[in-house]
Amino acid sequence: MTTASPRWFKSSYSENGGQCVEWAPERAAATGEFMVRDSKDPEGPVLSFPADSFTGFIAGIKADEFPTL
């Protein structure tokens, strides 16, 4: 496990609406750990998911399996 701070990136689909998440792609590539955080709160909590769980989550989003709030 690396002790370096991850480099965070926002999706190219994000606009300035304020409801964006960031992820750390280098960490995902190196460890298989997908880390995401709220772009409005960079010092706040980070969620971490194993690759298979995150892949399933993205597939669910693409299949419109989650209700919109």
N, C-alpha and C. Protein backbone atom coordinates (compact mmCIF):
# COMPACT_ATOMS: atom_id res chain seq x y z
N MET A 1 0.84 -1.18 0.00
CA MET A 1 0.00 0.00 0.00
C MET A 1 0.89 1.24 0.00
N THR A 2 0.51 2.20 -0.81
CA THR A 2 1.29 3.42 -0.90
C THR A 2 0.83 4.43 0.16
N THR A 3 1.76 5.24 0.62
CA THR A 3 1.41 6.27 1.60
C THR A 3 1.25 7.63 0.94
N ALA A 4 1.55 7.72 -0.35
CA ALA A 4 1.38 8.98 -1.07
C ALA A 4 -0.09 9.33 -1.19
N SER A 5 -0.37 10.62 -1.13
CA SER A 5 -1.74 11.08 -1.32
C SER A 5 -2.18 10.82 -2.75
N PRO A 6 -3.38 10.33 -2.93
CA PRO A 6 -3.84 10.07 -4.30
C PRO A 6 -4.09 11.38 -5.04
N ARG A 7 -3.94 11.34 -6.36
CA ARG A 7 -4.31 12.46 -7.21
C ARG A 7 -5.77 12.28 -7.60
N TRP A 8 -6.56 13.29 -7.38
CA TRP A 8 -8.00 13.22 -7.59
C TRP A 8 -8.39 13.86 -8.91
N PHE A 9 -9.37 13.25 -9.58
CA PHE A 9 -9.87 13.75 -10.86
C PHE A 9 -11.38 13.77 -10.84
N LYS A 10 -11.94 14.79 -11.48
CA LYS A 10 -13.38 14.91 -11.63
C LYS A 10 -13.76 14.41 -13.02
N SER A 11 -14.91 13.83 -13.15
CA SER A 11 -15.39 13.32 -14.43
C SER A 11 -15.47 14.44 -15.47
N SER A 12 -15.17 14.09 -16.70
CA SER A 12 -15.31 15.05 -17.79
C SER A 12 -16.78 15.38 -18.03
N TYR A 13 -17.69 14.60 -17.49
CA TYR A 13 -19.12 14.86 -17.61
C TYR A 13 -19.61 15.85 -16.56
N SER A 14 -18.76 16.17 -15.59
CA SER A 14 -19.16 17.08 -14.52
C SER A 14 -19.21 18.51 -15.04
N GLU A 15 -20.22 19.21 -14.58
CA GLU A 15 -20.34 20.62 -14.86
C GLU A 15 -20.17 21.35 -13.55
N ASN A 16 -20.37 22.64 -13.54
CA ASN A 16 -20.20 23.41 -12.31
C ASN A 16 -21.47 23.45 -11.48
N GLY A 17 -22.25 22.37 -11.49
CA GLY A 17 -23.48 22.31 -10.71
C GLY A 17 -23.26 22.00 -9.25
N GLY A 18 -22.05 21.59 -8.87
CA GLY A 18 -21.74 21.35 -7.48
C GLY A 18 -22.03 19.95 -6.98
N GLN A 19 -22.57 19.06 -7.80
CA GLN A 19 -22.87 17.70 -7.36
C GLN A 19 -21.95 16.73 -8.06
N CYS A 20 -20.67 16.83 -7.76
CA CYS A 20 -19.67 16.03 -8.46
C CYS A 20 -18.91 15.13 -7.48
N VAL A 21 -18.45 14.03 -8.00
CA VAL A 21 -17.54 13.18 -7.25
C VAL A 21 -16.20 13.17 -7.96
N GLU A 22 -15.17 12.89 -7.20
CA GLU A 22 -13.83 12.74 -7.75
C GLU A 22 -13.37 11.33 -7.48
N TRP A 23 -12.45 10.85 -8.28
CA TRP A 23 -11.88 9.52 -8.04
C TRP A 23 -10.39 9.57 -8.24
N ALA A 24 -9.71 8.53 -7.77
CA ALA A 24 -8.25 8.44 -7.84
C ALA A 24 -7.86 7.30 -8.78
N PRO A 25 -7.77 7.55 -10.10
CA PRO A 25 -7.52 6.47 -11.06
C PRO A 25 -6.18 5.78 -10.89
N GLU A 26 -5.15 6.50 -10.47
CA GLU A 26 -3.84 5.86 -10.30
C GLU A 26 -3.89 4.82 -9.18
N ARG A 27 -4.62 5.11 -8.13
CA ARG A 27 -4.77 4.15 -7.02
C ARG A 27 -5.52 2.92 -7.50
N ALA A 28 -6.56 3.14 -8.32
CA ALA A 28 -7.33 2.01 -8.85
C ALA A 28 -6.44 1.12 -9.72
N ALA A 29 -5.63 1.73 -10.55
CA ALA A 29 -4.76 0.96 -11.43
C ALA A 29 -3.70 0.20 -10.65
N ALA A 30 -3.18 0.80 -9.59
CA ALA A 30 -2.09 0.20 -8.83
C ALA A 30 -2.57 -0.88 -7.86
N THR A 31 -3.76 -0.68 -7.27
CA THR A 31 -4.18 -1.57 -6.18
C THR A 31 -5.52 -2.25 -6.41
N GLY A 32 -6.29 -1.78 -7.40
CA GLY A 32 -7.64 -2.30 -7.59
C GLY A 32 -8.65 -1.69 -6.64
N GLU A 33 -8.21 -0.74 -5.84
CA GLU A 33 -9.07 -0.06 -4.87
C GLU A 33 -9.62 1.21 -5.53
N PHE A 34 -10.94 1.31 -5.67
CA PHE A 34 -11.56 2.49 -6.26
C PHE A 34 -11.96 3.43 -5.14
N MET A 35 -11.34 4.59 -5.12
CA MET A 35 -11.61 5.59 -4.09
C MET A 35 -12.38 6.74 -4.71
N VAL A 36 -13.44 7.19 -4.02
CA VAL A 36 -14.23 8.33 -4.48
C VAL A 36 -14.48 9.26 -3.30
N ARG A 37 -14.67 10.55 -3.64
CA ARG A 37 -14.97 11.54 -2.60
C ARG A 37 -15.84 12.64 -3.20
N ASP A 38 -16.46 13.43 -2.35
CA ASP A 38 -17.27 14.56 -2.74
C ASP A 38 -16.34 15.71 -3.12
N SER A 39 -16.48 16.23 -4.33
CA SER A 39 -15.58 17.30 -4.78
C SER A 39 -15.76 18.59 -3.98
N LYS A 40 -16.92 18.77 -3.34
CA LYS A 40 -17.14 19.97 -2.54
C LYS A 40 -16.47 19.88 -1.17
N ASP A 41 -16.05 18.69 -0.77
CA ASP A 41 -15.47 18.48 0.56
C ASP A 41 -14.20 17.65 0.44
N PRO A 42 -13.13 18.22 -0.15
CA PRO A 42 -11.92 17.43 -0.39
C PRO A 42 -11.23 16.93 0.87
N GLU A 43 -11.52 17.52 2.01
CA GLU A 43 -10.94 17.04 3.27
C GLU A 43 -11.88 16.07 3.98
N GLY A 44 -13.03 15.82 3.40
CA GLY A 44 -14.03 14.95 4.01
C GLY A 44 -13.74 13.48 3.79
N PRO A 45 -14.73 12.64 4.05
CA PRO A 45 -14.53 11.19 3.95
C PRO A 45 -14.29 10.72 2.52
N VAL A 46 -13.59 9.61 2.43
CA VAL A 46 -13.31 8.94 1.16
C VAL A 46 -13.94 7.56 1.23
N LEU A 47 -14.68 7.20 0.20
CA LEU A 47 -15.23 5.86 0.11
C LEU A 47 -14.31 5.00 -0.74
N SER A 48 -14.11 3.78 -0.33
CA SER A 48 -13.21 2.87 -1.04
C SER A 48 -13.95 1.57 -1.34
N PHE A 49 -13.81 1.11 -2.59
CA PHE A 49 -14.51 -0.09 -3.05
C PHE A 49 -13.55 -1.02 -3.76
N PRO A 50 -13.71 -2.34 -3.61
CA PRO A 50 -12.94 -3.27 -4.44
C PRO A 50 -13.42 -3.15 -5.89
N ALA A 51 -12.55 -3.49 -6.81
CA ALA A 51 -12.82 -3.32 -8.24
C ALA A 51 -14.13 -3.97 -8.68
N ASP A 52 -14.40 -5.20 -8.25
CA ASP A 52 -15.61 -5.89 -8.71
C ASP A 52 -16.87 -5.20 -8.22
N SER A 53 -16.85 -4.66 -7.01
CA SER A 53 -18.02 -3.95 -6.48
C SER A 53 -18.24 -2.65 -7.24
N PHE A 54 -17.18 -1.93 -7.50
CA PHE A 54 -17.31 -0.66 -8.21
C PHE A 54 -17.78 -0.88 -9.65
N THR A 55 -17.25 -1.92 -10.29
CA THR A 55 -17.67 -2.25 -11.65
C THR A 55 -19.17 -2.58 -11.69
N GLY A 56 -19.65 -3.33 -10.70
CA GLY A 56 -21.07 -3.64 -10.61
C GLY A 56 -21.92 -2.40 -10.38
N PHE A 57 -21.42 -1.48 -9.58
CA PHE A 57 -22.13 -0.22 -9.32
C PHE A 57 -22.27 0.59 -10.61
N ILE A 58 -21.19 0.72 -11.37
CA ILE A 58 -21.22 1.46 -12.63
C ILE A 58 -22.17 0.78 -13.63
N ALA A 59 -22.16 -0.53 -13.67
CA ALA A 59 -23.09 -1.26 -14.56
C ALA A 59 -24.53 -0.97 -14.16
N GLY A 60 -24.82 -0.90 -12.87
CA GLY A 60 -26.15 -0.58 -12.39
C GLY A 60 -26.59 0.82 -12.77
N ILE A 61 -25.66 1.77 -12.71
CA ILE A 61 -25.97 3.14 -13.12
C ILE A 61 -26.32 3.16 -14.61
N LYS A 62 -25.49 2.50 -15.41
CA LYS A 62 -25.73 2.49 -16.86
C LYS A 62 -27.04 1.81 -17.20
N ALA A 63 -27.46 0.83 -16.41
CA ALA A 63 -28.71 0.11 -16.65
C ALA A 63 -29.92 0.81 -16.01
N ASP A 64 -29.68 2.00 -15.42
CA ASP A 64 -30.75 2.80 -14.80
C ASP A 64 -31.45 2.02 -13.68
N GLU A 65 -30.68 1.32 -12.86
CA GLU A 65 -31.24 0.51 -11.78
C GLU A 65 -31.47 1.28 -10.48
N PHE A 66 -31.05 2.53 -10.45
CA PHE A 66 -31.16 3.31 -9.21
C PHE A 66 -32.14 4.46 -9.42
N PRO A 67 -33.04 4.67 -8.46
CA PRO A 67 -33.99 5.79 -8.61
C PRO A 67 -33.28 7.14 -8.45
N THR A 68 -33.85 8.13 -9.09
CA THR A 68 -33.32 9.49 -8.96
C THR A 68 -34.03 10.18 -7.80
N LEU A 69 -33.27 10.95 -7.06
CA LEU A 69 -33.86 11.68 -5.93
C LEU A 69 -34.43 13.01 -6.36
